[in-house]
Structures are given as structure tokens and as C-alpha cells.
PDB file of N, CA and C in Angstrom:
ATOM      1  N   UNK A   1     -11.889   1.344 -14.318  1.00  0.00           N
ATOM      2  CA  UNK A   1     -12.793   0.977 -13.382  1.00  0.00           C
ATOM      3  C   UNK A   1     -12.059   1.945 -12.166  1.00  0.00           C
ATOM      4  N   UNK A   2     -13.159   2.287 -11.737  1.00  0.00           N
ATOM      5  CA  UNK A   2     -12.393   3.071  -9.924  1.00  0.00           C
ATOM      6  C   UNK A   2     -12.181   2.306  -9.096  1.00  0.00           C
ATOM      7  N   UNK A   3     -11.601   2.775  -7.813  1.00  0.00           N
ATOM      8  CA  UNK A   3     -11.081   1.749  -6.932  1.00  0.00           C
ATOM      9  C   UNK A   3     -12.113   1.222  -6.278  1.00  0.00           C
ATOM     10  N   UNK A   4     -11.702   0.692  -5.171  1.00  0.00           N
ATOM     11  CA  UNK A   4     -12.866  -0.363  -4.467  1.00  0.00           C
ATOM     12  C   UNK A   4     -12.832   0.677  -3.330  1.00  0.00           C
ATOM     13  N   UNK A   5     -13.806   1.332  -3.153  1.00  0.00           N
ATOM     14  CA  UNK A   5     -14.093   2.374  -2.117  1.00  0.00           C
ATOM     15  C   UNK A   5     -14.322   1.562  -0.593  1.00  0.00           C
ATOM     16  N   UNK A   6     -14.899   0.014  -0.546  1.00  0.00           N
ATOM     17  CA  UNK A   6     -15.141  -0.738   0.432  1.00  0.00           C
ATOM     18  C   UNK A   6     -13.655  -0.736   1.068  1.00  0.00           C
ATOM     19  N   UNK A   7     -12.615  -0.966   0.183  1.00  0.00           N
ATOM     20  CA  UNK A   7     -11.419  -1.606   0.870  1.00  0.00           C
ATOM     21  C   UNK A   7     -10.721  -0.276   1.158  1.00  0.00           C
ATOM     22  N   UNK A   8     -10.846   0.971   0.606  1.00  0.00           N
ATOM     23  CA  UNK A   8     -10.302   2.344   1.147  1.00  0.00           C
ATOM     24  C   UNK A   8     -10.690   2.613   2.422  1.00  0.00           C
ATOM     25  N   UNK A   9     -12.408   2.268   2.468  1.00  0.00           N
ATOM     26  CA  UNK A   9     -12.664   2.854   4.030  1.00  0.00           C
ATOM     27  C   UNK A   9     -12.055   1.845   5.016  1.00  0.00           C
ATOM     28  N   UNK A  10     -11.678   0.347   4.648  1.00  0.00           N
ATOM     29  CA  UNK A  10     -11.244  -0.645   5.293  1.00  0.00           C
ATOM     30  C   UNK A  10      -9.863  -0.264   6.077  1.00  0.00           C
ATOM     31  N   UNK A  11      -9.153   0.213   4.973  1.00  0.00           N
ATOM     32  CA  UNK A  11      -7.757   0.797   4.794  1.00  0.00           C
ATOM     33  C   UNK A  11      -7.786   2.068   6.180  1.00  0.00           C
ATOM     34  N   UNK A  12      -8.683   3.185   5.879  1.00  0.00           N
ATOM     35  CA  UNK A  12      -8.830   4.170   6.389  1.00  0.00           C
ATOM     36  C   UNK A  12      -9.398   3.911   8.009  1.00  0.00           C
ATOM     37  N   UNK A  13     -10.270   3.137   8.188  1.00  0.00           N
ATOM     38  CA  UNK A  13     -10.316   2.190   9.620  1.00  0.00           C
ATOM     39  C   UNK A  13      -9.145   1.963  10.401  1.00  0.00           C
ATOM     40  N   UNK A  14      -8.244   1.145   9.980  1.00  0.00           N
ATOM     41  CA  UNK A  14      -7.401   0.373  10.442  1.00  0.00           C
ATOM     42  C   UNK A  14      -6.129   1.423  10.542  1.00  0.00           C
ATOM     43  N   UNK A  15      -5.839   2.354   9.972  1.00  0.00           N
ATOM     44  CA  UNK A  15      -5.015   3.521  10.179  1.00  0.00           C
ATOM     45  C   UNK A  15      -5.623   4.406  10.949  1.00  0.00           C
ATOM     46  N   UNK A  16      -6.679   4.900  11.468  1.00  0.00           N
ATOM     47  CA  UNK A  16      -7.265   5.530  12.348  1.00  0.00           C
ATOM     48  C   UNK A  16      -7.463   5.067  13.922  1.00  0.00           C
ATOM     49  N   UNK A  17      -7.270   3.192  13.593  1.00  0.00           N
ATOM     50  CA  UNK A  17      -7.680   2.845  14.678  1.00  0.00           C
ATOM     51  C   UNK A  17      -6.104   2.687  15.254  1.00  0.00           C
ATOM     52  N   UNK A  18      -5.238   3.121  14.619  1.00  0.00           N
ATOM     53  CA  UNK A  18      -3.824   2.982  15.036  1.00  0.00           C
ATOM     54  C   UNK A  18      -3.156   4.150  15.380  1.00  0.00           C
ATOM     55  N   UNK A  19      -4.018   5.073  15.342  1.00  0.00           N
ATOM     56  CA  UNK A  19      -3.865   6.508  15.355  1.00  0.00           C
ATOM     57  C   UNK A  19      -2.584   6.868  14.175  1.00  0.00           C
ATOM     58  N   UNK A  20      -2.713   6.485  13.428  1.00  0.00           N
ATOM     59  CA  UNK A  20      -1.845   6.944  12.379  1.00  0.00           C
ATOM     60  C   UNK A  20      -2.286   7.876  11.457  1.00  0.00           C
ATOM     61  N   UNK A  21      -1.289   9.107  11.435  1.00  0.00           N
ATOM     62  CA  UNK A  21      -1.710  10.364  10.513  1.00  0.00           C
ATOM     63  C   UNK A  21      -1.382  10.107   9.115  1.00  0.00           C
ATOM     64  N   UNK A  22      -2.416  10.000   8.432  1.00  0.00           N
ATOM     65  CA  UNK A  22      -2.093   9.829   6.663  1.00  0.00           C
ATOM     66  C   UNK A  22      -3.164  11.090   6.172  1.00  0.00           C
ATOM     67  N   UNK A  23      -2.482  10.792   4.690  1.00  0.00           N
ATOM     68  CA  UNK A  23      -3.314  11.975   3.737  1.00  0.00           C
ATOM     69  C   UNK A  23      -3.828  10.638   3.007  1.00  0.00           C
ATOM     70  N   UNK A  24      -5.105  10.803   2.087  1.00  0.00           N
ATOM     71  CA  UNK A  24      -5.492   9.806   1.056  1.00  0.00           C
ATOM     72  C   UNK A  24      -5.124  11.080  -0.194  1.00  0.00           C
ATOM     73  N   UNK A  25      -4.714  10.313  -1.125  1.00  0.00           N
ATOM     74  CA  UNK A  25      -4.645  11.044  -2.535  1.00  0.00           C
ATOM     75  C   UNK A  25      -4.876  10.100  -3.351  1.00  0.00           C
ATOM     76  N   UNK A  26      -5.752  10.868  -4.596  1.00  0.00           N
ATOM     77  CA  UNK A  26      -6.480   9.877  -5.676  1.00  0.00           C
ATOM     78  C   UNK A  26      -4.945   9.970  -6.803  1.00  0.00           C
ATOM     79  N   UNK A  27      -4.610   8.745  -7.200  1.00  0.00           N
ATOM     80  CA  UNK A  27      -3.231   8.706  -8.310  1.00  0.00           C
ATOM     81  C   UNK A  27      -3.366   7.359  -8.906  1.00  0.00           C
ATOM     82  N   UNK A  28      -2.828   7.352  -9.902  1.00  0.00           N
ATOM     83  CA  UNK A  28      -2.290   5.814 -10.498  1.00  0.00           C
ATOM     84  C   UNK A  28      -3.834   5.522 -10.791  1.00  0.00           C
ATOM     85  N   UNK A  29      -5.066   6.061 -10.781  1.00  0.00           N
ATOM     86  CA  UNK A  29      -6.132   5.685 -11.053  1.00  0.00           C
ATOM     87  C   UNK A  29      -6.849   4.893  -9.482  1.00  0.00           C
ATOM     88  N   UNK A  30      -6.306   5.331  -8.616  1.00  0.00           N
ATOM     89  CA  UNK A  30      -6.621   4.198  -7.525  1.00  0.00           C
ATOM     90  C   UNK A  30      -6.709   5.392  -6.587  1.00  0.00           C
ATOM     91  N   UNK A  31      -6.366   5.160  -5.203  1.00  0.00           N
ATOM     92  CA  UNK A  31      -6.348   5.673  -3.879  1.00  0.00           C
ATOM     93  C   UNK A  31      -4.913   5.335  -3.267  1.00  0.00           C
ATOM     94  N   UNK A  32      -3.938   6.214  -3.012  1.00  0.00           N
ATOM     95  CA  UNK A  32      -2.828   6.286  -2.063  1.00  0.00           C
ATOM     96  C   UNK A  32      -3.206   6.923  -0.543  1.00  0.00           C
ATOM     97  N   UNK A  33      -2.658   6.170   0.196  1.00  0.00           N
ATOM     98  CA  UNK A  33      -2.692   6.745   1.614  1.00  0.00           C
ATOM     99  C   UNK A  33      -0.935   7.094   1.686  1.00  0.00           C
ATOM    100  N   UNK A  34      -0.909   8.256   2.006  1.00  0.00           N
ATOM    101  CA  UNK A  34       0.561   8.691   2.561  1.00  0.00           C
ATOM    102  C   UNK A  34       0.863   9.034   3.858  1.00  0.00           C
ATOM    103  N   UNK A  35       2.029   8.417   4.434  1.00  0.00           N
ATOM    104  CA  UNK A  35       1.836   8.835   5.753  1.00  0.00           C
ATOM    105  C   UNK A  35       3.497   9.001   5.490  1.00  0.00           C
ATOM    106  N   UNK A  36       3.905  10.062   6.530  1.00  0.00           N
ATOM    107  CA  UNK A  36       4.943  11.093   6.688  1.00  0.00           C
ATOM    108  C   UNK A  36       5.717  11.332   5.010  1.00  0.00           C
ATOM    109  N   UNK A  37       4.374  11.891   4.112  1.00  0.00           N
ATOM    110  CA  UNK A  37       4.822  12.188   2.895  1.00  0.00           C
ATOM    111  C   UNK A  37       4.973  11.451   2.119  1.00  0.00           C
ATOM    112  N   UNK A  38       4.933  10.178   2.367  1.00  0.00           N
ATOM    113  CA  UNK A  38       5.518   8.929   1.308  1.00  0.00           C
ATOM    114  C   UNK A  38       4.339   7.898   1.436  1.00  0.00           C
ATOM    115  N   UNK A  39       4.127   7.264   0.053  1.00  0.00           N
ATOM    116  CA  UNK A  39       3.151   6.192  -0.434  1.00  0.00           C
ATOM    117  C   UNK A  39       3.261   5.087   0.759  1.00  0.00           C
ATOM    118  N   UNK A  40       2.158   4.710   1.089  1.00  0.00           N
ATOM    119  CA  UNK A  40       2.511   3.384   2.148  1.00  0.00           C
ATOM    120  C   UNK A  40       1.577   2.633   1.541  1.00  0.00           C
ATOM    121  N   UNK A  41       0.475   2.940   1.392  1.00  0.00           N
ATOM    122  CA  UNK A  41      -0.328   1.684   1.204  1.00  0.00           C
ATOM    123  C   UNK A  41      -1.203   2.104   0.152  1.00  0.00           C
ATOM    124  N   UNK A  42      -1.973   1.703  -0.617  1.00  0.00           N
ATOM    125  CA  UNK A  42      -3.307   1.959  -1.569  1.00  0.00           C
ATOM    126  C   UNK A  42      -4.109   1.225  -1.951  1.00  0.00           C
ATOM    127  N   UNK A  43      -5.222   1.430  -2.915  1.00  0.00           N
ATOM    128  CA  UNK A  43      -6.233   0.968  -3.655  1.00  0.00           C
ATOM    129  C   UNK A  43      -5.702   1.308  -5.027  1.00  0.00           C
ATOM    130  N   UNK A  44      -5.840  -0.281  -5.833  1.00  0.00           N
ATOM    131  CA  UNK A  44      -5.562   0.367  -7.455  1.00  0.00           C
ATOM    132  C   UNK A  44      -6.913  -0.976  -7.698  1.00  0.00           C
ATOM    133  N   UNK A  45      -7.993  -0.688  -8.214  1.00  0.00           N
ATOM    134  CA  UNK A  45      -9.426  -1.294  -8.459  1.00  0.00           C
ATOM    135  C   UNK A  45      -9.563  -1.761  -7.395  1.00  0.00           C
ATOM    136  N   UNK A  46      -9.785  -3.232  -7.484  1.00  0.00           N
ATOM    137  CA  UNK A  46      -9.738  -4.274  -6.105  1.00  0.00           C
ATOM    138  C   UNK A  46      -8.671  -5.186  -5.258  1.00  0.00           C
ATOM    139  N   UNK A  47      -7.655  -4.086  -5.625  1.00  0.00           N
ATOM    140  CA  UNK A  47      -6.770  -4.752  -4.827  1.00  0.00           C
ATOM    141  C   UNK A  47      -5.577  -3.735  -4.178  1.00  0.00           C
ATOM    142  N   UNK A  48      -4.882  -4.048  -3.143  1.00  0.00           N
ATOM    143  CA  UNK A  48      -4.410  -3.366  -2.043  1.00  0.00           C
ATOM    144  C   UNK A  48      -3.172  -3.224  -2.784  1.00  0.00           C
ATOM    145  N   UNK A  49      -2.304  -2.018  -2.609  1.00  0.00           N
ATOM    146  CA  UNK A  49      -1.216  -1.912  -2.991  1.00  0.00           C
ATOM    147  C   UNK A  49      -0.174  -1.491  -1.875  1.00  0.00           C
ATOM    148  N   UNK A  50       0.890  -2.256  -1.837  1.00  0.00           N
ATOM    149  CA  UNK A  50       1.670  -2.281  -0.260  1.00  0.00           C
ATOM    150  C   UNK A  50       3.223  -1.708  -0.463  1.00  0.00           C
ATOM    151  N   UNK A  51       3.672  -0.789   0.078  1.00  0.00           N
ATOM    152  CA  UNK A  51       5.265  -0.825   0.074  1.00  0.00           C
ATOM    153  C   UNK A  51       6.026  -1.118   1.190  1.00  0.00           C
ATOM    154  N   UNK A  52       6.494  -2.202   1.030  1.00  0.00           N
ATOM    155  CA  UNK A  52       7.543  -3.135   1.805  1.00  0.00           C
ATOM    156  C   UNK A  52       8.849  -2.704   1.865  1.00  0.00           C
ATOM    157  N   UNK A  53       9.619  -3.472   2.931  1.00  0.00           N
ATOM    158  CA  UNK A  53      10.856  -3.492   2.697  1.00  0.00           C
ATOM    159  C   UNK A  53      11.323  -4.341   1.971  1.00  0.00           C
ATOM    160  N   UNK A  54      12.340  -3.698   0.577  1.00  0.00           N
ATOM    161  CA  UNK A  54      12.902  -4.598  -0.210  1.00  0.00           C
ATOM    162  C   UNK A  54      13.901  -6.112  -0.072  1.00  0.00           C
ATOM    163  N   UNK A  55      13.866  -5.897   1.742  1.00  0.00           N
ATOM    164  CA  UNK A  55      14.324  -7.231   2.397  1.00  0.00           C
ATOM    165  C   UNK A  55      13.907  -8.455   2.564  1.00  0.00           C
ATOM    166  N   UNK A  56      12.100  -7.957   2.468  1.00  0.00           N
ATOM    167  CA  UNK A  56      11.000  -9.093   2.559  1.00  0.00           C
ATOM    168  C   UNK A  56      10.226  -9.476   1.624  1.00  0.00           C
ATOM    169  N   UNK A  57      10.926  -8.617   0.371  1.00  0.00           N
ATOM    170  CA  UNK A  57      10.034  -8.588  -0.753  1.00  0.00           C
ATOM    171  C   UNK A  57       9.719 -10.320  -1.567  1.00  0.00           C
ATOM    172  N   UNK A  58      10.977 -10.853  -1.708  1.00  0.00           N
ATOM    173  CA  UNK A  58      10.452 -12.249  -2.275  1.00  0.00           C
ATOM    174  C   UNK A  58       9.740 -13.204  -1.205  1.00  0.00           C
ATOM    175  N   UNK A  59      10.187 -12.968  -0.195  1.00  0.00           N
ATOM    176  CA  UNK A  59       9.163 -13.775   0.860  1.00  0.00           C
ATOM    177  C   UNK A  59       7.864 -13.359   0.688  1.00  0.00           C
ATOM    178  N   UNK A  60       7.567 -12.320   0.706  1.00  0.00           N
ATOM    179  CA  UNK A  60       6.140 -11.607   0.609  1.00  0.00           C
ATOM    180  C   UNK A  60       5.272 -12.031  -0.504  1.00  0.00           C
ATOM    181  N   UNK A  61       5.910 -12.336  -1.526  1.00  0.00           N
ATOM    182  CA  UNK A  61       5.365 -12.826  -2.835  1.00  0.00           C
ATOM    183  C   UNK A  61       5.068 -14.079  -2.812  1.00  0.00           C
ATOM    184  N   UNK A  62       5.267 -14.997  -1.728  1.00  0.00           N
ATOM    185  CA  UNK A  62       4.949 -16.491  -1.442  1.00  0.00           C
ATOM    186  C   UNK A  62       3.529 -16.440  -0.632  1.00  0.00           C
ATOM    187  N   UNK A  63       2.951 -15.080  -0.247  1.00  0.00           N
ATOM    188  CA  UNK A  63       1.768 -15.088   0.603  1.00  0.00           C
ATOM    189  C   UNK A  63       0.769 -15.464   0.220  1.00  0.00           C
ATOM    190  N   UNK A  64      -0.276 -15.840   0.079  1.00  0.00           N
ATOM    191  CA  UNK A  64      -1.393 -15.923  -0.660  1.00  0.00           C
ATOM    192  C   UNK A  64      -2.043 -14.586  -1.229  1.00  0.00           C
ATOM    193  N   UNK A  65      -2.284 -14.485  -2.523  1.00  0.00           N
ATOM    194  CA  UNK A  65      -2.645 -13.250  -2.828  1.00  0.00           C
ATOM    195  C   UNK A  65      -1.421 -12.415  -3.534  1.00  0.00           C
ATOM    196  N   UNK A  66      -0.499 -12.742  -2.864  1.00  0.00           N
ATOM    197  CA  UNK A  66       0.374 -11.567  -3.197  1.00  0.00           C
ATOM    198  C   UNK A  66       1.030 -11.689  -4.439  1.00  0.00           C
ATOM    199  N   UNK A  67       1.114 -10.448  -5.337  1.00  0.00           N
ATOM    200  CA  UNK A  67       1.801 -10.696  -6.457  1.00  0.00           C
ATOM    201  C   UNK A  67       2.762  -9.197  -6.446  1.00  0.00           C
ATOM    202  N   UNK A  68       3.655  -9.264  -7.771  1.00  0.00           N
ATOM    203  CA  UNK A  68       4.621  -8.323  -8.173  1.00  0.00           C
ATOM    204  C   UNK A  68       3.185  -7.026  -8.736  1.00  0.00           C
ATOM    205  N   UNK A  69       3.824  -5.982  -8.332  1.00  0.00           N
ATOM    206  CA  UNK A  69       3.190  -5.137  -8.730  1.00  0.00           C
ATOM    207  C   UNK A  69       4.254  -4.500 -10.070  1.00  0.00           C
ATOM    208  N   UNK A  70       3.567  -4.614 -11.354  1.00  0.00           N
ATOM    209  CA  UNK A  70       3.551  -4.279 -12.349  1.00  0.00           C
ATOM    210  C   UNK A  70       3.029  -3.701 -13.385  1.00  0.00           C
ATOM    211  N   UNK A  71       1.551  -2.929 -13.045  1.00  0.00           N
ATOM    212  CA  UNK A  71       1.035  -2.427 -13.779  1.00  0.00           C
ATOM    213  C   UNK A  71       1.267  -1.797 -15.123  1.00  0.00           C
ATOM    214  N   UNK A  72       2.642  -0.780 -14.883  1.00  0.00           N
ATOM    215  CA  UNK A  72       3.382   0.105 -15.906  1.00  0.00           C
ATOM    216  C   UNK A  72       3.875  -0.932 -16.901  1.00  0.00           C
ATOM    217  N   UNK A  73       4.101  -2.370 -16.667  1.00  0.00           N
ATOM    218  CA  UNK A  73       4.575  -3.258 -17.469  1.00  0.00           C
ATOM    219  C   UNK A  73       6.105  -3.408 -17.212  1.00  0.00           C
ATOM    220  N   UNK A  74       6.719  -2.652 -16.065  1.00  0.00           N
ATOM    221  CA  UNK A  74       7.862  -3.000 -15.273  1.00  0.00           C
ATOM    222  C   UNK A  74       7.648  -3.058 -13.750  1.00  0.00           C
ATOM    223  N   UNK A  75       8.171  -3.837 -13.012  1.00  0.00           N
ATOM    224  CA  UNK A  75       7.938  -4.594 -11.795  1.00  0.00           C
ATOM    225  C   UNK A  75       8.616  -3.361 -10.820  1.00  0.00           C
ATOM    226  N   UNK A  76       7.631  -2.964 -10.124  1.00  0.00           N
ATOM    227  CA  UNK A  76       8.024  -1.646  -8.837  1.00  0.00           C
ATOM    228  C   UNK A  76       8.582  -2.779  -8.018  1.00  0.00           C
ATOM    229  N   UNK A  77       9.851  -2.398  -7.941  1.00  0.00           N
ATOM    230  CA  UNK A  77      10.748  -3.461  -6.224  1.00  0.00           C
ATOM    231  C   UNK A  77      10.398  -2.400  -5.062  1.00  0.00           C
ATOM    232  N   UNK A  78       9.663  -3.446  -4.170  1.00  0.00           N
ATOM    233  CA  UNK A  78       9.402  -2.975  -3.141  1.00  0.00           C
ATOM    234  C   UNK A  78       7.706  -2.793  -3.134  1.00  0.00           C
ATOM    235  N   UNK A  79       7.449  -3.015  -4.045  1.00  0.00           N
ATOM    236  CA  UNK A  79       5.863  -2.474  -4.093  1.00  0.00           C
ATOM    237  C   UNK A  79       5.217  -3.540  -4.541  1.00  0.00           C
ATOM    238  N   UNK A  80       4.444  -4.579  -3.647  1.00  0.00           N
ATOM    239  CA  UNK A  80       3.535  -5.573  -4.154  1.00  0.00           C
ATOM    240  C   UNK A  80       2.024  -4.980  -4.069  1.00  0.00           C
ATOM    241  N   UNK A  81       1.534  -6.080  -4.898  1.00  0.00           N
ATOM    242  CA  UNK A  81      -0.273  -5.887  -4.797  1.00  0.00           C
ATOM    243  C   UNK A  81      -0.665  -7.222  -4.242  1.00  0.00           C
ATOM    244  N   UNK A  82      -1.920  -7.064  -3.638  1.00  0.00           N
ATOM    245  CA  UNK A  82      -2.325  -8.061  -2.605  1.00  0.00           C
ATOM    246  C   UNK A  82      -3.894  -8.268  -3.322  1.00  0.00           C
ATOM    247  N   UNK A  83      -4.453  -9.518  -3.826  1.00  0.00           N
ATOM    248  CA  UNK A  83      -5.821  -9.280  -3.926  1.00  0.00           C
ATOM    249  C   UNK A  83      -6.815  -9.965  -2.767  1.00  0.00           C
ATOM    250  N   UNK A  84      -8.012 -10.126  -3.247  1.00  0.00           N
ATOM    251  CA  UNK A  84      -8.990 -10.290  -2.508  1.00  0.00           C
ATOM    252  C   UNK A  84      -8.661 -11.638  -1.520  1.00  0.00           C
ATOM    253  N   UNK A  85      -8.297 -12.511  -2.026  1.00  0.00           N
ATOM    254  CA  UNK A  85      -7.303 -14.162  -1.205  1.00  0.00           C
ATOM    255  C   UNK A  85      -6.835 -13.605  -0.038  1.00  0.00           C
ATOM    256  N   UNK A  86      -5.712 -12.417  -0.507  1.00  0.00           N
ATOM    257  CA  UNK A  86      -4.955 -11.890   0.670  1.00  0.00           C
ATOM    258  C   UNK A  86      -5.156 -11.216   1.613  1.00  0.00           C
ATOM    259  N   UNK A  87      -6.423 -10.138   1.454  1.00  0.00           N
ATOM    260  CA  UNK A  87      -7.009  -9.320   2.253  1.00  0.00           C
ATOM    261  C   UNK A  87      -8.249  -9.502   2.699  1.00  0.00           C
ATOM    262  N   UNK A  88      -8.826 -10.254   2.511  1.00  0.00           N
ATOM    263  CA  UNK A  88     -10.256 -10.840   2.578  1.00  0.00           C
ATOM    264  C   UNK A  88     -10.756 -10.340   4.189  1.00  0.00           C
ATOM    265  N   UNK A  89     -10.027 -11.166   5.249  1.00  0.00           N
ATOM    266  CA  UNK A  89     -10.266 -11.148   6.657  1.00  0.00           C
ATOM    267  C   UNK A  89      -9.474  -9.805   7.320  1.00  0.00           C
ATOM    268  N   UNK A  90     -10.037  -8.924   8.147  1.00  0.00           N
ATOM    269  CA  UNK A  90      -9.120  -7.650   8.554  1.00  0.00           C
ATOM    270  C   UNK A  90      -7.948  -8.053   9.188  1.00  0.00           C
ATOM    271  N   UNK A  91      -8.189  -9.504   9.716  1.00  0.00           N
ATOM    272  CA  UNK A  91      -6.438  -9.922  10.339  1.00  0.00           C
ATOM    273  C   UNK A  91      -5.386  -9.786   9.290  1.00  0.00           C
ATOM    274  N   UNK A  92      -5.938 -10.345   7.789  1.00  0.00           N
ATOM    275  CA  UNK A  92      -4.868 -10.341   6.922  1.00  0.00           C
ATOM    276  C   UNK A  92      -4.519  -8.929   6.546  1.00  0.00           C
ATOM    277  N   UNK A  93      -5.410  -8.129   6.355  1.00  0.00           N
ATOM    278  CA  UNK A  93      -5.566  -6.405   5.802  1.00  0.00           C
ATOM    279  C   UNK A  93      -4.664  -5.820   6.719  1.00  0.00           C
ATOM    280  N   UNK A  94      -4.706  -6.073   8.456  1.00  0.00           N
ATOM    281  CA  UNK A  94      -4.195  -5.281   9.252  1.00  0.00           C
ATOM    282  C   UNK A  94      -2.859  -5.623   8.853  1.00  0.00           C
ATOM    283  N   UNK A  95      -2.169  -7.170   8.671  1.00  0.00           N
ATOM    284  CA  UNK A  95      -0.883  -7.908   8.284  1.00  0.00           C
ATOM    285  C   UNK A  95      -0.132  -6.984   7.503  1.00  0.00           C
ATOM    286  N   UNK A  96      -0.256  -6.477   6.191  1.00  0.00           N
ATOM    287  CA  UNK A  96       0.072  -6.188   5.077  1.00  0.00           C
ATOM    288  C   UNK A  96       0.259  -4.661   5.445  1.00  0.00           C
ATOM    289  N   UNK A  97      -0.914  -4.181   6.237  1.00  0.00           N
ATOM    290  CA  UNK A  97      -1.022  -2.575   6.463  1.00  0.00           C
ATOM    291  C   UNK A  97       0.639  -2.223   7.522  1.00  0.00           C
ATOM    292  N   UNK A  98       0.560  -3.727   8.220  1.00  0.00           N
ATOM    293  CA  UNK A  98       1.761  -3.221   9.085  1.00  0.00           C
ATOM    294  C   UNK A  98       2.628  -3.599   8.836  1.00  0.00           C
ATOM    295  N   UNK A  99       3.417  -4.202   7.753  1.00  0.00           N
ATOM    296  CA  UNK A  99       4.558  -4.135   7.170  1.00  0.00           C
ATOM    297  C   UNK A  99       4.722  -2.922   6.560  1.00  0.00           C
ATOM    298  N   UNK A 100       3.823  -2.538   5.931  1.00  0.00           N
ATOM    299  CA  UNK A 100       3.828  -0.861   5.156  1.00  0.00           C
ATOM    300  C   UNK A 100       4.307   0.156   5.943  1.00  0.00           C
ATOM    301  N   UNK A 101       3.754   0.252   7.607  1.00  0.00           N
ATOM    302  CA  UNK A 101       3.905   0.896   8.393  1.00  0.00           C
ATOM    303  C   UNK A 101       5.375   0.980   9.270  1.00  0.00           C
ATOM    304  N   UNK A 102       5.491  -0.407   9.038  1.00  0.00           N
ATOM    305  CA  UNK A 102       6.745  -0.789   9.668  1.00  0.00           C
ATOM    306  C   UNK A 102       8.044  -0.192   8.791  1.00  0.00           C
ATOM    307  N   UNK A 103       7.742   0.023   7.618  1.00  0.00           N
ATOM    308  CA  UNK A 103       8.917   0.255   6.478  1.00  0.00           C
ATOM    309  C   UNK A 103       9.155   1.709   6.254  1.00  0.00           C
ATOM    310  N   UNK A 104       7.741   2.205   6.572  1.00  0.00           N
ATOM    311  CA  UNK A 104       7.726   3.756   6.055  1.00  0.00           C
ATOM    312  C   UNK A 104       8.537   4.605   6.852  1.00  0.00           C
ATOM    313  N   UNK A 105       9.111   4.345   7.922  1.00  0.00           N
ATOM    314  CA  UNK A 105      10.274   5.626   8.321  1.00  0.00           C
ATOM    315  C   UNK A 105      11.421   5.552   7.695  1.00  0.00           C
ATOM    316  N   UNK A 106      11.780   3.827   7.121  1.00  0.00           N
ATOM    317  CA  UNK A 106      12.959   3.798   6.213  1.00  0.00           C
ATOM    318  C   UNK A 106      12.747   3.905   4.753  1.00  0.00           C
ATOM    319  N   UNK A 107      11.698   4.381   4.413  1.00  0.00           N
ATOM    320  CA  UNK A 107      11.262   4.496   3.075  1.00  0.00           C
ATOM    321  C   UNK A 107      11.850   5.970   2.702  1.00  0.00           C
ATOM    322  N   UNK A 108      11.921   6.170   1.214  1.00  0.00           N
ATOM    323  CA  UNK A 108      12.481   7.440   0.759  1.00  0.00           C
ATOM    324  C   UNK A 108      11.480   8.146   0.270  1.00  0.00           C
ATOM    325  N   UNK A 109      11.311   9.432   0.553  1.00  0.00           N
ATOM    326  CA  UNK A 109       9.806  10.418  -0.135  1.00  0.00           C
ATOM    327  C   UNK A 109      10.774  10.451  -1.429  1.00  0.00           C
ATOM    328  N   UNK A 110       9.492  10.344  -2.361  1.00  0.00           N
ATOM    329  CA  UNK A 110       9.840  10.766  -3.858  1.00  0.00           C
ATOM    330  C   UNK A 110       9.109  12.125  -3.909  1.00  0.00           C
ATOM    331  N   UNK A 111       8.783  13.067  -2.917  1.00  0.00           N
ATOM    332  CA  UNK A 111       8.335  14.078  -2.884  1.00  0.00           C
ATOM    333  C   UNK A 111       9.277  15.360  -3.778  1.00  0.00           C
ATOM    334  N   UNK A 112       8.786  16.017  -4.515  1.00  0.00           N
ATOM    335  CA  UNK A 112       9.890  16.918  -5.278  1.00  0.00           C
ATOM    336  C   UNK A 112      10.373  17.777  -4.340  1.00  0.00           C
ATOM    337  N   UNK A 113      11.183  18.579  -4.368  1.00  0.00           N
ATOM    338  CA  UNK A 113      11.276  19.873  -3.569  1.00  0.00           C
ATOM    339  C   UNK A 113      11.224  21.536  -4.304  1.00  0.00           C
ATOM    340  N   UNK A 114      10.948  22.229  -4.076  1.00  0.00           N
ATOM    341  CA  UNK A 114      10.578  23.169  -5.231  1.00  0.00           C
ATOM    342  C   UNK A 114      12.167  24.036  -5.211  1.00  0.00           C
ATOM    343  N   UNK A 115      11.971  24.565  -6.342  1.00  0.00           N
ATOM    344  CA  UNK A 115      13.365  25.121  -6.239  1.00  0.00           C
ATOM    345  C   UNK A 115      13.281  27.070  -6.059  1.00  0.00           C
ATOM    346  N   UNK A 116      14.052  27.487  -5.686  1.00  0.00           N
ATOM    347  CA  UNK A 116      13.734  28.728  -4.982  1.00  0.00           C
ATOM    348  C   UNK A 116      14.172  29.801  -6.156  1.00  0.00           C
TER     349      UNK A 116
END
């Protein structure tokens, strides 16, 4: 199943409204939004993928629609998935994107460096 393009458009609109420079990249069967060359948020099927501060990870899992990101069979600490229940309203989507943008400056880049 391809990713939800309507959700991707909502994310793009919110990022543009906040004047955030981003790059959209197809990966993991979905679409990832890279901010400062780091994965920030994304869409996998019909769900929002969010990279958040590990310090608020457990508390975030208590929010409506939020669950562990484990599509590979192993939970990815610091990443959560949010289904339609948690992002149906624009304010809810903006909340999750805000968490990801707040953590982004502290997140480590997984960008590989080319050897000379």
C-alpha cells in the first residue's frame, strides 16, 4: 500500500507555514521529511511517523493514536507512529510536528560521510 498523499500534503503545508526548510524523500515504503539532513517526520501507509525526544517517548505513547514504531519487528526508540485518531484535526497534527521540530536540533544525523 502506498503512503497517504493527503497526509503528506498536510505535513508539507504545516512545514511551509512555519517556514521550515525540508526535503521529502521516499524511503521505508513511505515518505520522510528531512529537516537539517535528519529524518523529522514522515508518512508510512496512513500513519504519521514522528522522531521525538527520547525523554518524552513514554509519555507520548499515552496520547490518543500514538504507538511504538516497530514495523521492522524491533521498536525504534525515539520514533513513534500516530494513527488517524491522533492526527485527524490540524491542531493535533501540528502538535506532533512541533514535537519533532523541537527535537530536530538535538537529533543525531544518520547521514553517512563519503570516504575520500
